[in-house]
């Protein structure tokens, strides 16, 4: 059964990770020295990775309980979410990354989009430098679903996270870029792990 109460926050999760294919800009440019196009695309629908929402027609103003069993699971969900961002920050920051760590933490749309972003960064000879800041909250937790699901909402700040040449590290950000916006992420429990399966950028919402 889904419940809502106060937000679950593990203190300050801070600067520790990020990424997915639609983080920086709505504009794209081709060529080996251009921006990584997929960093600017909205979330695509990928088979096996349909978005998880709190409930039909519900708003994003509620939050999962912070105490009891659900509160404990909420904290596990946030740790899984943070680990996913840490893995992406590391993978996107290296020109030799094969994304293997991403496969352990995500599936469906989230994995497909992240690997596509990594491929695009390699193709354009770019890496990501610096790091974003995030402030996630568990908005919904359904432990009775099969498999259990969770929804995390985050205020994502990418103002200090930049595209750069993989060799010289010269910043090559797109001309127009988003700096902070809301993202909604769906997770599903797989055995003992919580996997990130969907990602939606909401650039029209401020935070």
Protein backbone atom coordinates (compact mmCIF):
# COMPACT_ATOMS: atom_id res chain seq x y z
CA UNK A 1 0.00 0.00 0.00
CA UNK A 2 1.31 3.44 -0.86
CA UNK A 3 1.63 5.96 1.90
CA UNK A 4 2.76 9.53 2.19
CA UNK A 5 4.14 11.55 5.05
CA UNK A 6 7.27 13.60 5.62
CA UNK A 7 10.12 13.52 3.14
CA UNK A 8 12.86 10.93 3.55
CA UNK A 9 16.23 12.66 3.32
CA UNK A 10 19.58 11.09 4.28
CA UNK A 11 20.97 14.37 5.59
CA UNK A 12 22.67 16.11 2.67
CA UNK A 13 23.53 13.88 -0.25
CA UNK A 14 25.41 16.75 -1.82
CA UNK A 15 27.79 16.61 -4.71
CA UNK A 16 28.35 12.98 -5.33
CA UNK A 17 27.09 11.80 -8.59
CA UNK A 18 24.85 12.31 -11.48
CA UNK A 19 23.97 11.94 -14.97
CA UNK A 20 21.69 10.57 -17.49
CA UNK A 21 21.20 11.39 -21.02
CA UNK A 22 19.21 14.54 -20.73
CA UNK A 23 20.95 16.75 -18.30
CA UNK A 24 22.47 19.84 -19.83
CA UNK A 25 20.76 21.29 -22.85
CA UNK A 26 17.84 21.18 -25.23
CA UNK A 27 20.13 22.11 -28.09
CA UNK A 28 22.35 19.64 -29.93
CA UNK A 29 25.23 20.02 -32.31
CA UNK A 30 26.99 17.48 -34.48
CA UNK A 31 30.60 16.78 -35.19
CA UNK A 32 33.44 15.37 -33.14
CA UNK A 33 33.95 18.61 -31.25
CA UNK A 34 30.30 19.41 -30.67
CA UNK A 35 28.13 18.76 -27.65
CA UNK A 36 27.03 15.27 -26.75
CA UNK A 37 23.61 15.35 -28.37
CA UNK A 38 21.84 12.95 -26.05
CA UNK A 39 22.65 15.09 -23.04
CA UNK A 40 19.89 17.33 -24.29
CA UNK A 41 17.14 14.89 -25.21
CA UNK A 42 14.02 14.26 -23.15
CA UNK A 43 13.59 10.84 -21.63
CA UNK A 44 12.65 8.24 -24.21
CA UNK A 45 10.29 5.34 -23.67
CA UNK A 46 12.28 2.12 -23.74
CA UNK A 47 10.71 -1.36 -23.53
CA UNK A 48 11.12 -2.72 -20.01
CA UNK A 49 11.69 0.73 -18.57
CA UNK A 50 8.31 2.40 -18.35
CA UNK A 51 8.11 5.24 -15.88
CA UNK A 52 6.95 4.53 -12.33
CA UNK A 53 4.64 7.16 -10.88
CA UNK A 54 3.25 7.48 -7.33
CA UNK A 55 -0.33 6.89 -8.49
CA UNK A 56 -2.64 7.84 -11.29
CA UNK A 57 -3.41 11.55 -11.17
CA UNK A 58 -1.43 12.15 -7.99
CA UNK A 59 0.72 15.20 -7.43
CA UNK A 60 4.38 15.29 -6.44
CA UNK A 61 3.77 17.15 -3.20
CA UNK A 62 3.58 14.08 -0.93
CA UNK A 63 6.44 12.03 0.41
CA UNK A 64 7.04 8.56 1.76
CA UNK A 65 7.10 7.85 5.53
CA UNK A 66 10.35 8.49 7.40
CA UNK A 67 9.86 6.04 10.25
CA UNK A 68 9.20 2.34 10.70
CA UNK A 69 9.87 -0.28 8.05
CA UNK A 70 8.95 2.02 5.17
CA UNK A 71 11.30 4.70 6.43
CA UNK A 72 14.14 2.16 6.58
CA UNK A 73 13.41 1.03 3.02
CA UNK A 74 13.24 4.65 1.94
CA UNK A 75 16.77 5.22 3.17
CA UNK A 76 17.94 2.14 1.26
CA UNK A 77 16.27 3.51 -1.86
CA UNK A 78 18.12 6.82 -1.48
CA UNK A 79 21.44 5.03 -1.02
CA UNK A 80 20.79 3.08 -4.22
CA UNK A 81 19.90 6.30 -6.00
CA UNK A 82 23.08 7.99 -4.81
CA UNK A 83 25.21 5.00 -5.83
CA UNK A 84 23.71 5.25 -9.33
CA UNK A 85 24.68 8.89 -9.61
CA UNK A 86 28.17 8.20 -8.27
CA UNK A 87 28.62 5.51 -10.91
CA UNK A 88 27.45 7.82 -13.68
CA UNK A 89 29.70 10.66 -12.59
CA UNK A 90 32.67 8.29 -12.64
CA UNK A 91 31.74 6.73 -15.99
CA UNK A 92 31.04 10.05 -17.71
CA UNK A 93 34.28 11.50 -16.37
CA UNK A 94 36.49 8.87 -18.04
CA UNK A 95 37.13 8.40 -21.74
CA UNK A 96 37.90 4.70 -21.23
CA UNK A 97 34.77 3.75 -19.27
CA UNK A 98 32.72 0.83 -20.61
CA UNK A 99 29.78 1.56 -18.32
CA UNK A 100 29.94 -1.82 -16.59
CA UNK A 101 29.14 -0.30 -13.19
CA UNK A 102 25.96 1.22 -14.61
CA UNK A 103 24.62 -2.23 -15.52
CA UNK A 104 24.77 -3.24 -11.87
CA UNK A 105 22.63 -0.32 -10.70
CA UNK A 106 20.04 0.29 -13.43
CA UNK A 107 17.94 -1.30 -16.15
CA UNK A 108 15.33 -0.41 -18.77
CA UNK A 109 15.15 3.21 -19.91
CA UNK A 110 17.57 4.48 -17.27
CA UNK A 111 20.31 2.08 -18.36
CA UNK A 112 19.67 2.49 -22.09
CA UNK A 113 19.75 6.28 -21.91
CA UNK A 114 22.84 6.37 -19.72
CA UNK A 115 24.80 4.01 -21.97
CA UNK A 116 23.68 6.02 -25.01
CA UNK A 117 25.01 9.16 -23.36
CA UNK A 118 28.31 7.45 -22.58
CA UNK A 119 28.63 6.31 -26.22
CA UNK A 120 27.87 9.84 -27.42
CA UNK A 121 30.50 11.34 -25.11
CA UNK A 122 33.06 8.86 -26.46
CA UNK A 123 32.02 9.59 -30.06
CA UNK A 124 32.40 13.35 -29.59
CA UNK A 125 35.62 12.93 -27.56
CA UNK A 126 34.13 14.58 -24.50
CA UNK A 127 34.04 13.83 -20.78
CA UNK A 128 32.11 15.39 -17.92
CA UNK A 129 34.13 17.39 -15.38
CA UNK A 130 33.10 18.74 -12.01
CA UNK A 131 29.96 17.35 -10.39
CA UNK A 132 26.29 18.15 -9.98
CA UNK A 133 24.47 18.70 -6.72
CA UNK A 134 21.30 16.85 -5.84
CA UNK A 135 18.69 16.83 -3.10
CA UNK A 136 16.53 13.70 -3.47
CA UNK A 137 13.32 12.87 -1.66
CA UNK A 138 11.40 9.58 -1.73
CA UNK A 139 7.96 10.58 -3.01
CA UNK A 140 6.35 7.13 -3.06
CA UNK A 141 7.16 3.64 -1.85
CA UNK A 142 5.05 0.57 -2.65
CA UNK A 143 6.42 -2.45 -0.81
CA UNK A 144 3.39 -4.61 -1.66
CA UNK A 145 3.81 -4.27 -5.40
CA UNK A 146 5.37 -7.19 -7.28
CA UNK A 147 8.15 -6.21 -7.54
CA UNK A 148 8.25 -3.36 -4.97
CA UNK A 149 8.63 0.11 -6.47
CA UNK A 150 9.72 3.57 -5.40
CA UNK A 151 9.67 7.09 -6.85
CA UNK A 152 12.41 9.62 -6.08
CA UNK A 153 12.13 13.31 -6.89
CA UNK A 154 15.26 15.41 -7.03
CA UNK A 155 16.28 19.04 -7.50
CA UNK A 156 19.21 18.63 -9.85
CA UNK A 157 21.82 21.39 -10.07
CA UNK A 158 24.29 20.89 -12.94
CA UNK A 159 25.76 24.40 -12.94
CA UNK A 160 29.16 23.08 -11.83
CA UNK A 161 29.13 20.02 -14.10
CA UNK A 162 30.59 20.59 -17.56
CA UNK A 163 31.31 18.92 -20.87
CA UNK A 164 35.02 19.08 -21.65
CA UNK A 165 37.51 17.86 -24.24
CA UNK A 166 38.67 14.41 -23.13
CA UNK A 167 42.36 15.28 -23.69
CA UNK A 168 42.80 19.00 -22.98
CA UNK A 169 39.88 19.21 -20.52
CA UNK A 170 38.85 22.48 -22.17
CA UNK A 171 35.22 23.18 -21.32
CA UNK A 172 32.91 22.69 -24.30
CA UNK A 173 29.47 23.29 -22.90
CA UNK A 174 26.60 23.83 -25.35
CA UNK A 175 25.59 27.45 -25.98
CA UNK A 176 22.29 26.97 -24.18
CA UNK A 177 22.16 24.74 -21.13
CA UNK A 178 19.88 24.06 -18.21
CA UNK A 179 21.43 24.64 -14.79
CA UNK A 180 18.81 23.39 -12.31
CA UNK A 181 15.51 21.55 -12.60
CA UNK A 182 13.37 18.78 -11.15
CA UNK A 183 13.88 15.12 -12.09
CA UNK A 184 11.66 12.16 -11.22
CA UNK A 185 13.21 8.70 -11.06
CA UNK A 186 11.53 5.29 -10.77
CA UNK A 187 13.10 2.31 -9.01
CA UNK A 188 12.16 -1.38 -8.83
CA UNK A 189 13.40 -3.95 -6.37
CA UNK A 190 15.29 -6.86 -7.93
CA UNK A 191 16.22 -9.53 -5.37
CA UNK A 192 18.11 -7.59 -2.71
CA UNK A 193 18.83 -4.53 -4.87
CA UNK A 194 16.87 -1.45 -5.91
CA UNK A 195 17.48 -0.71 -9.60
CA UNK A 196 16.87 2.63 -11.28
CA UNK A 197 14.56 1.95 -14.23
CA UNK A 198 13.15 5.29 -15.43
CA UNK A 199 14.12 8.95 -15.49
CA UNK A 200 12.05 12.01 -16.36
CA UNK A 201 13.38 15.54 -16.60
CA UNK A 202 10.91 18.32 -15.74
CA UNK A 203 12.67 21.47 -16.88
CA UNK A 204 9.48 23.49 -16.53
CA UNK A 205 9.51 23.05 -12.76
CA UNK A 206 11.80 25.21 -10.64
CA UNK A 207 13.46 24.09 -7.44
